[in-house]
Amino acid sequence: MTIIQANKFYFLRGGAERYVFDLTTWLESEGHRVIPFAMQHTENRSTRYASFFPSYVATERPRLGLGALKTVGRMLYSLEARRRLASLLVDTHPDVCHIHNIYTQLSPSILHTLADRRVPVVMTVHDYHLITPHYNLWAEGCGPDWSHVGLVRGTLSRFHKGSYAASFAQIFTYKVHRQLRLYERFVYRFQTPSDFLRRRMIAEGFPAEKIEVNHHGIDPSVVKPRYDHDGYFLYVGRLSPEKGIETILTVARALPDVRFKIVGRGPEEQALHRLGHACPNVEFVGFQSGDALWELYRGARALLLPSRWHENFPLTVLEAMAAGKPVIASRVGGIPEMVEDHCTGILVSPLDMHGWAEAVARLAYDEDMRAQFGRQARLATETTFHIRHHYARVLAAYESVLRKN
């Protein structure tokens, strides 16, 4: 089978790109031909198909003026991306196109090209942008609800990247795309990492029969589980408001004899460091990756994920579980589909500080419970969340849309 993988970036920038590269590796190992389609960028990986990539479009912080109008035009409907993809289709004759994050840089214009050439489309929905102009959905009572924000209010609030221009462009293009319903019309099959996202998409008018849940997975062989520990609870992720890291500091003050390690960087880093001065049992260890990160997982008592937004399907949960660690997490978004309460971890309401302190104390002082939860967590990654099941469902989606085509 020949498959196009379309995503705005062709270098390792975030979770979506990591997913695309891992999926590509697996598909090629199974004998399939995989062709990338993305924007041009100086950091892109080398590929013989780079000449088909449309030029780079910067949407991070557009400035007012003629250049901004041109950028918004490309975000709405990129004629260049459509032309370049048409040439790629003629050159490669793909069976299926698998799209990922194409929203503004490539734009849904490419869906028209694929429809014209009768190439069926599968889409992995990595975030909430199909149903909200903001990429995050705050849990109820934890932050602003941008899911149905108006153009004026959203622009004046500078909700997107702290910029009037970026906020206007984001909301305007989102609303136009929703009115045109290009994704609903031209995508044959949506795969969502969580049932939470599937239900939200249906509530926003996406056809239920086109949406299926395909939980992400992990290869548990990448890490040897460890059921003892080095005495600390662990957070891994971005240091930003929606992650609720203040909860960890609150718990640390309530449990001064329990140690915590916080891994990551982000916009709240300096503020959290200042708050952390009053918590000698909290250590900020910065960004970590590779073997160093795996050793931090293996040495932890448990992973903490006190998110205040509806996490879709965070990979850190699967990584900790593969390392044999239970997870204490907020009962939001897709997390309850990953963490079975009082089996592989403990679920807590995001704003329940007493509940958070109690959950941490239970796994700090009850070693038998903590070890049992850790073994169940590891077992879940060897069975339910093994990556082979996820990839098999992706391939089944390709075969299904080909039959319908």
Protein backbone atom coordinates (compact mmCIF):
# COMPACT_ATOMS: atom_id res chain seq x y z
CA MET A 1 0.00 0.00 0.00
CA THR A 2 1.20 3.54 -0.76
CA ILE A 3 0.26 6.01 1.99
CA ILE A 4 0.77 9.76 2.23
CA GLN A 5 1.34 11.06 5.76
CA ALA A 6 0.36 14.75 5.78
CA ASN A 7 1.37 16.92 8.73
CA LYS A 8 2.42 20.57 8.88
CA PHE A 9 5.92 19.81 10.22
CA TYR A 10 8.42 17.20 9.05
CA PHE A 11 10.77 17.42 12.01
CA LEU A 12 10.41 16.33 15.62
CA ARG A 13 8.60 19.29 17.15
CA GLY A 14 5.88 17.75 19.31
CA GLY A 15 3.71 14.75 20.00
CA ALA A 16 2.01 14.70 16.60
CA GLU A 17 5.34 14.64 14.76
CA ARG A 18 6.69 11.91 17.02
CA TYR A 19 3.56 9.90 16.28
CA VAL A 20 3.90 10.38 12.50
CA PHE A 21 7.55 9.30 12.48
CA ASP A 22 6.90 6.24 14.67
CA LEU A 23 3.91 5.21 12.54
CA THR A 24 5.97 5.68 9.37
CA THR A 25 8.72 3.43 10.74
CA TRP A 26 6.19 0.70 11.56
CA LEU A 27 4.38 0.94 8.21
CA GLU A 28 7.66 0.71 6.31
CA SER A 29 8.69 -2.30 8.41
CA GLU A 30 5.45 -3.95 7.28
CA GLY A 31 6.34 -3.38 3.64
CA HIS A 32 4.24 -0.29 2.91
CA ARG A 33 5.46 2.75 1.00
CA VAL A 34 5.11 5.98 3.00
CA ILE A 35 5.33 9.46 1.44
CA PRO A 36 5.51 12.63 3.55
CA PHE A 37 3.73 15.91 2.80
CA ALA A 38 4.51 18.95 4.95
CA MET A 39 5.68 22.56 4.86
CA GLN A 40 9.18 23.47 3.86
CA HIS A 41 11.33 24.17 6.91
CA THR A 42 15.05 24.41 7.63
CA GLU A 43 14.74 21.72 10.32
CA ASN A 44 12.91 19.20 8.12
CA ARG A 45 14.24 15.70 7.79
CA SER A 46 15.72 14.80 4.44
CA THR A 47 13.30 13.32 1.88
CA ARG A 48 13.24 12.99 -1.87
CA TYR A 49 9.73 14.47 -1.80
CA ALA A 50 10.80 17.83 -0.33
CA SER A 51 10.39 19.57 -3.70
CA PHE A 52 6.64 18.94 -3.44
CA PHE A 53 6.35 20.68 -0.05
CA PRO A 54 4.63 24.11 -0.01
CA SER A 55 6.61 27.07 1.33
CA TYR A 56 6.78 27.81 5.03
CA VAL A 57 4.01 29.94 6.52
CA ALA A 58 4.54 31.53 9.94
CA THR A 59 1.34 31.63 11.97
CA GLU A 60 2.89 31.98 15.41
CA ARG A 61 2.61 35.76 15.81
CA PRO A 62 1.31 37.40 12.61
CA ARG A 63 1.72 41.17 12.43
CA LEU A 64 -0.88 43.57 11.16
CA GLY A 65 -0.56 44.69 7.54
CA LEU A 66 -0.48 43.24 4.05
CA GLY A 67 1.71 40.33 5.12
CA ALA A 68 -0.81 39.37 7.79
CA LEU A 69 -3.64 39.36 5.25
CA LYS A 70 -1.62 37.06 3.03
CA THR A 71 -0.92 34.75 5.97
CA VAL A 72 -4.59 34.63 6.94
CA GLY A 73 -5.47 33.87 3.33
CA ARG A 74 -3.14 30.88 3.34
CA MET A 75 -4.49 29.75 6.70
CA LEU A 76 -8.00 29.84 5.26
CA TYR A 77 -7.28 28.06 1.99
CA SER A 78 -3.77 27.45 0.69
CA LEU A 79 -3.79 27.30 -3.10
CA GLU A 80 -0.07 26.56 -3.05
CA ALA A 81 -0.52 23.53 -0.79
CA ARG A 82 -3.32 22.31 -3.03
CA ARG A 83 -1.18 22.64 -6.18
CA ARG A 84 1.87 21.01 -4.61
CA LEU A 85 -0.16 18.08 -3.32
CA ALA A 86 -1.79 17.61 -6.74
CA SER A 87 1.69 17.25 -8.25
CA LEU A 88 2.69 14.78 -5.54
CA LEU A 89 -0.41 12.67 -6.22
CA VAL A 90 0.41 12.50 -9.93
CA ASP A 91 3.98 11.47 -9.11
CA THR A 92 3.22 8.82 -6.47
CA HIS A 93 -0.34 7.46 -7.04
CA PRO A 94 -1.14 6.87 -3.35
CA ASP A 95 -3.84 4.51 -2.14
CA VAL A 96 -4.65 6.47 1.04
CA CYS A 97 -3.81 9.81 2.64
CA HIS A 98 -3.46 9.93 6.42
CA ILE A 99 -3.71 13.52 7.67
CA HIS A 100 -2.67 14.84 11.05
CA ASN A 101 -2.23 18.50 12.05
CA ILE A 102 -2.84 20.34 8.78
CA TYR A 103 -5.19 23.04 10.11
CA THR A 104 -3.62 26.38 9.22
CA GLN A 105 -0.20 25.82 7.68
CA LEU A 106 -1.34 23.33 5.03
CA SER A 107 -5.05 24.16 5.41
CA PRO A 108 -8.02 21.95 4.52
CA SER A 109 -7.64 23.05 0.90
CA ILE A 110 -5.72 19.81 0.39
CA LEU A 111 -8.91 17.87 1.13
CA HIS A 112 -10.38 19.20 -2.12
CA THR A 113 -7.33 17.94 -4.02
CA LEU A 114 -7.63 14.50 -2.45
CA ALA A 115 -11.36 14.37 -3.21
CA ASP A 116 -10.76 15.38 -6.83
CA ARG A 117 -8.29 12.50 -7.21
CA ARG A 118 -10.52 10.07 -5.28
CA VAL A 119 -7.87 9.41 -2.64
CA PRO A 120 -9.60 8.32 0.60
CA VAL A 121 -8.62 10.21 3.76
CA VAL A 122 -8.05 8.99 7.31
CA MET A 123 -7.44 11.61 10.00
CA THR A 124 -5.88 11.13 13.42
CA VAL A 125 -7.28 13.90 15.63
CA HIS A 126 -4.38 14.78 17.92
CA ASP A 127 -5.98 17.75 19.69
CA TYR A 128 -9.20 19.75 20.06
CA HIS A 129 -8.77 22.21 17.20
CA LEU A 130 -11.57 20.67 15.12
CA ILE A 131 -14.04 21.70 17.83
CA THR A 132 -12.53 24.85 19.34
CA PRO A 133 -10.33 27.71 18.10
CA HIS A 134 -8.12 27.04 21.12
CA TYR A 135 -6.10 23.83 21.20
CA ASN A 136 -6.91 23.21 24.88
CA LEU A 137 -10.19 22.58 26.67
CA TRP A 138 -10.13 23.60 30.32
CA ALA A 139 -11.94 21.38 32.80
CA GLU A 140 -15.11 22.93 34.24
CA GLY A 141 -14.30 25.61 36.80
CA CYS A 142 -10.56 25.50 36.07
CA GLY A 143 -10.23 28.08 33.29
CA PRO A 144 -11.95 29.93 30.45
CA ASP A 145 -14.15 28.07 27.98
CA TRP A 146 -13.01 29.07 24.48
CA SER A 147 -15.04 26.41 22.65
CA HIS A 148 -17.63 28.88 21.32
CA VAL A 149 -15.83 32.20 21.78
CA GLY A 150 -16.91 35.03 19.48
CA LEU A 151 -14.56 36.83 17.10
CA VAL A 152 -14.51 40.14 19.00
CA ARG A 153 -14.24 38.70 22.51
CA GLY A 154 -11.59 36.20 21.51
CA THR A 155 -9.50 38.80 19.70
CA LEU A 156 -9.66 41.31 22.56
CA SER A 157 -8.76 38.63 25.10
CA ARG A 158 -5.57 37.75 23.15
CA PHE A 159 -6.29 34.14 24.10
CA HIS A 160 -3.94 32.81 21.41
CA LYS A 161 -0.22 33.43 22.05
CA GLY A 162 -1.01 36.73 23.80
CA SER A 163 -1.50 38.45 20.44
CA TYR A 164 -4.47 40.38 19.01
CA ALA A 165 -3.48 39.47 15.45
CA ALA A 166 -2.83 35.79 16.21
CA SER A 167 -6.10 35.51 18.13
CA PHE A 168 -8.10 37.13 15.32
CA ALA A 169 -6.50 34.90 12.69
CA GLN A 170 -7.05 31.78 14.75
CA ILE A 171 -10.73 32.41 15.47
CA PHE A 172 -11.56 33.71 11.99
CA THR A 173 -10.02 30.75 10.15
CA TYR A 174 -11.56 28.29 12.62
CA LYS A 175 -15.06 29.70 12.12
CA VAL A 176 -14.75 29.74 8.33
CA HIS A 177 -13.53 26.15 8.28
CA ARG A 178 -16.39 25.06 10.55
CA GLN A 179 -18.92 26.76 8.28
CA LEU A 180 -17.49 25.05 5.19
CA ARG A 181 -17.49 21.67 6.98
CA LEU A 182 -14.58 20.48 4.84
CA TYR A 183 -13.37 17.90 7.35
CA GLU A 184 -16.84 16.45 7.85
CA ARG A 185 -17.39 16.20 4.10
CA PHE A 186 -14.07 14.87 2.87
CA VAL A 187 -12.51 12.82 5.68
CA TYR A 188 -13.62 9.20 5.38
CA ARG A 189 -12.59 8.11 8.87
CA PHE A 190 -11.58 10.03 12.01
CA GLN A 191 -9.53 8.24 14.66
CA THR A 192 -9.53 9.83 18.11
CA PRO A 193 -7.12 8.82 20.89
CA SER A 194 -9.94 9.01 23.45
CA ASP A 195 -13.66 8.39 23.66
CA PHE A 196 -13.90 11.76 25.41
CA LEU A 197 -12.80 13.50 22.20
CA ARG A 198 -15.08 11.30 20.09
CA ARG A 199 -18.08 12.35 22.18
CA ARG A 200 -17.13 16.02 22.03
CA MET A 201 -16.81 15.86 18.24
CA ILE A 202 -20.25 14.27 17.93
CA ALA A 203 -21.71 16.96 20.20
CA GLU A 204 -20.25 19.58 17.82
CA GLY A 205 -21.94 18.03 14.79
CA PHE A 206 -19.35 15.63 13.38
CA PRO A 207 -20.93 12.45 11.96
CA ALA A 208 -20.76 9.70 14.59
CA GLU A 209 -20.46 6.96 11.97
CA LYS A 210 -17.16 8.42 10.75
CA ILE A 211 -15.46 8.54 14.17
CA GLU A 212 -13.76 5.64 15.93
CA VAL A 213 -11.60 5.51 19.04
CA ASN A 214 -8.06 4.25 18.64
CA HIS A 215 -6.23 4.61 21.94
CA HIS A 216 -2.56 5.38 21.52
CA GLY A 217 -0.16 2.71 22.67
CA ILE A 218 3.40 2.03 23.75
CA ASP A 219 5.97 -0.70 23.20
CA PRO A 220 6.61 -1.81 26.80
CA SER A 221 9.89 -3.47 25.82
CA VAL A 222 11.54 -0.02 25.69
CA VAL A 223 11.81 0.00 29.51
CA LYS A 224 12.42 -2.59 32.20
CA PRO A 225 9.79 -2.15 34.92
CA ARG A 226 10.85 -1.44 38.46
CA TYR A 227 8.48 -1.96 41.37
CA ASP A 228 10.64 -0.48 44.11
CA HIS A 229 11.61 3.21 44.08
CA ASP A 230 14.00 5.95 45.16
CA GLY A 231 11.47 7.75 47.32
CA TYR A 232 10.01 10.54 45.16
CA PHE A 233 6.82 11.31 43.25
CA LEU A 234 7.33 12.50 39.69
CA TYR A 235 5.78 15.04 37.33
CA VAL A 236 6.82 15.05 33.65
CA GLY A 237 5.53 17.67 31.24
CA ARG A 238 5.21 21.27 30.26
CA LEU A 239 5.33 23.89 33.03
CA SER A 240 2.23 25.83 32.03
CA PRO A 241 -1.01 26.93 33.76
CA GLU A 242 -3.26 24.19 32.38
CA LYS A 243 -1.01 21.48 33.85
CA GLY A 244 -1.96 22.39 37.44
CA ILE A 245 1.54 22.06 38.89
CA GLU A 246 0.59 24.34 41.78
CA THR A 247 -1.35 21.34 43.07
CA ILE A 248 1.92 19.46 43.55
CA LEU A 249 3.36 22.36 45.54
CA THR A 250 0.24 22.47 47.71
CA VAL A 251 0.54 18.74 48.40
CA ALA A 252 4.26 19.13 49.08
CA ARG A 253 3.53 21.70 51.79
CA ALA A 254 0.94 19.36 53.33
CA LEU A 255 3.34 16.37 53.24
CA PRO A 256 6.79 17.80 54.07
CA ASP A 257 8.36 14.34 54.53
CA VAL A 258 7.48 13.26 50.96
CA ARG A 259 9.82 14.13 48.07
CA PHE A 260 8.77 15.37 44.63
CA LYS A 261 10.64 15.83 41.36
CA ILE A 262 9.32 18.05 38.57
CA VAL A 263 10.63 17.45 35.03
CA GLY A 264 10.09 19.94 32.22
CA ARG A 265 10.24 23.54 31.12
CA GLY A 266 7.64 26.10 30.13
CA PRO A 267 6.21 29.59 30.59
CA GLU A 268 5.43 29.08 34.30
CA GLU A 269 8.92 27.88 35.16
CA GLN A 270 10.17 30.99 36.98
CA ALA A 271 6.92 31.52 38.89
CA LEU A 272 6.87 27.88 40.00
CA HIS A 273 10.51 28.08 41.10
CA ARG A 274 9.62 31.07 43.29
CA LEU A 275 6.71 29.19 44.84
CA GLY A 276 8.92 26.15 45.26
CA HIS A 277 11.37 28.00 47.50
CA ALA A 278 8.97 27.31 50.37
CA CYS A 279 9.04 23.57 49.58
CA PRO A 280 12.49 22.06 50.27
CA ASN A 281 11.03 18.63 49.40
CA VAL A 282 10.43 19.71 45.77
CA GLU A 283 13.21 19.48 43.17
CA PHE A 284 12.98 21.00 39.69
CA VAL A 285 15.22 18.98 37.38
CA GLY A 286 14.56 20.76 34.06
CA PHE A 287 14.05 19.09 30.70
CA GLN A 288 15.04 15.42 30.51
CA SER A 289 14.86 12.88 27.70
CA GLY A 290 16.12 9.47 26.63
CA ASP A 291 17.72 7.18 29.19
CA ALA A 292 17.84 9.93 31.84
CA LEU A 293 14.07 10.33 31.68
CA TRP A 294 13.46 6.58 31.80
CA GLU A 295 15.61 6.34 34.94
CA LEU A 296 13.54 9.08 36.55
CA TYR A 297 10.38 7.12 35.76
CA ARG A 298 11.90 3.90 37.13
CA GLY A 299 12.98 5.58 40.36
CA ALA A 300 9.62 7.18 41.10
CA ARG A 301 6.97 6.05 43.55
CA ALA A 302 4.28 7.19 41.10
CA LEU A 303 3.57 9.71 38.37
CA LEU A 304 1.51 12.81 39.20
CA LEU A 305 -0.64 14.46 36.52
CA PRO A 306 -2.76 17.21 38.16
CA SER A 307 -4.03 18.67 34.87
CA ARG A 308 -6.74 21.31 34.85
CA TRP A 309 -7.52 20.91 31.17
CA HIS A 310 -9.03 17.94 29.37
CA GLU A 311 -5.92 15.98 28.50
CA ASN A 312 -6.63 13.93 25.40
CA PHE A 313 -4.38 10.88 25.85
CA PRO A 314 -1.05 11.93 27.43
CA LEU A 315 1.87 9.68 26.54
CA THR A 316 3.56 10.34 29.89
CA VAL A 317 0.89 8.18 31.52
CA LEU A 318 1.74 5.20 29.30
CA GLU A 319 5.47 5.76 29.83
CA ALA A 320 5.10 5.70 33.61
CA MET A 321 2.85 2.64 33.48
CA ALA A 322 5.35 0.80 31.27
CA ALA A 323 8.01 1.54 33.90
CA GLY A 324 5.80 -0.18 36.49
CA LYS A 325 4.51 2.98 38.14
CA PRO A 326 0.98 3.83 39.22
CA VAL A 327 -0.47 7.19 38.18
CA ILE A 328 -2.28 9.75 40.33
CA ALA A 329 -4.12 11.96 37.86
CA SER A 330 -6.97 14.39 37.40
CA ARG A 331 -10.30 12.91 36.41
CA VAL A 332 -10.48 14.92 33.17
CA GLY A 333 -10.57 14.30 29.42
CA GLY A 334 -9.27 10.94 28.27
CA ILE A 335 -7.28 10.17 31.43
CA PRO A 336 -9.99 7.93 32.99
CA GLU A 337 -9.72 5.75 29.86
CA MET A 338 -6.03 5.19 30.67
CA VAL A 339 -5.93 5.03 34.47
CA GLU A 340 -8.27 2.57 36.17
CA ASP A 341 -9.12 4.07 39.55
CA HIS A 342 -7.70 2.05 42.46
CA CYS A 343 -6.27 -0.51 40.03
CA THR A 344 -3.49 1.19 38.02
CA GLY A 345 -3.61 4.46 39.95
CA ILE A 346 -5.90 6.96 41.63
CA LEU A 347 -8.15 9.55 39.97
CA VAL A 348 -8.86 12.87 41.72
CA SER A 349 -10.90 15.94 40.81
CA PRO A 350 -8.43 18.62 39.66
CA LEU A 351 -9.38 21.21 42.31
CA ASP A 352 -9.75 18.80 45.25
CA MET A 353 -6.58 19.60 47.19
CA HIS A 354 -7.57 17.38 50.11
CA GLY A 355 -8.17 14.50 47.70
CA TRP A 356 -4.77 15.04 46.08
CA ALA A 357 -2.95 15.06 49.41
CA GLU A 358 -4.82 11.94 50.50
CA ALA A 359 -4.01 10.07 47.27
CA VAL A 360 -0.30 10.91 47.48
CA ALA A 361 -0.20 9.93 51.15
CA ARG A 362 -1.81 6.56 50.40
CA LEU A 363 0.83 5.63 47.83
CA ALA A 364 3.61 7.10 49.98
CA TYR A 365 2.77 5.07 53.08
CA ASP A 366 1.13 1.92 51.69
CA GLU A 367 3.93 0.12 49.85
CA ASP A 368 1.86 -2.97 49.10
CA MET A 369 -0.85 -0.93 47.39
CA ARG A 370 1.68 1.12 45.44
CA ALA A 371 3.52 -1.97 44.17
CA GLN A 372 0.26 -3.74 43.29
CA PHE A 373 -0.96 -0.73 41.30
CA GLY A 374 2.42 -0.56 39.56
CA ARG A 375 2.24 -4.20 38.45
CA GLN A 376 -1.30 -3.70 37.15
CA ALA A 377 -0.13 -0.59 35.29
CA ARG A 378 2.69 -2.49 33.60
CA LEU A 379 0.29 -5.30 32.66
CA ALA A 380 -2.04 -2.77 31.00
CA THR A 381 0.79 -1.63 28.70
CA GLU A 382 1.57 -5.24 27.81
CA THR A 383 -2.06 -5.93 26.87
CA THR A 384 -4.64 -3.17 26.37
CA PHE A 385 -2.22 -0.39 25.47
CA HIS A 386 0.40 -2.32 23.51
CA ILE A 387 1.33 -0.32 20.42
CA ARG A 388 0.72 -3.28 18.11
CA HIS A 389 -3.03 -2.98 18.76
CA HIS A 390 -3.01 0.71 17.85
CA TYR A 391 -1.11 0.17 14.61
CA ALA A 392 -3.39 -2.72 13.64
CA ARG A 393 -6.42 -0.42 13.99
CA VAL A 394 -4.72 2.23 11.83
CA LEU A 395 -4.08 -0.32 9.10
CA ALA A 396 -7.65 -1.60 9.41
CA ALA A 397 -8.90 1.96 8.87
CA TYR A 398 -6.84 2.25 5.68
CA GLU A 399 -8.27 -1.02 4.38
CA SER A 400 -11.81 -0.01 5.33
CA VAL A 401 -11.76 3.33 3.48
CA LEU A 402 -10.18 1.67 0.45
CA ARG A 403 -13.09 -0.78 0.29
CA LYS A 404 -15.59 2.08 0.56
CA ASN A 405 -13.79 4.02 -2.16
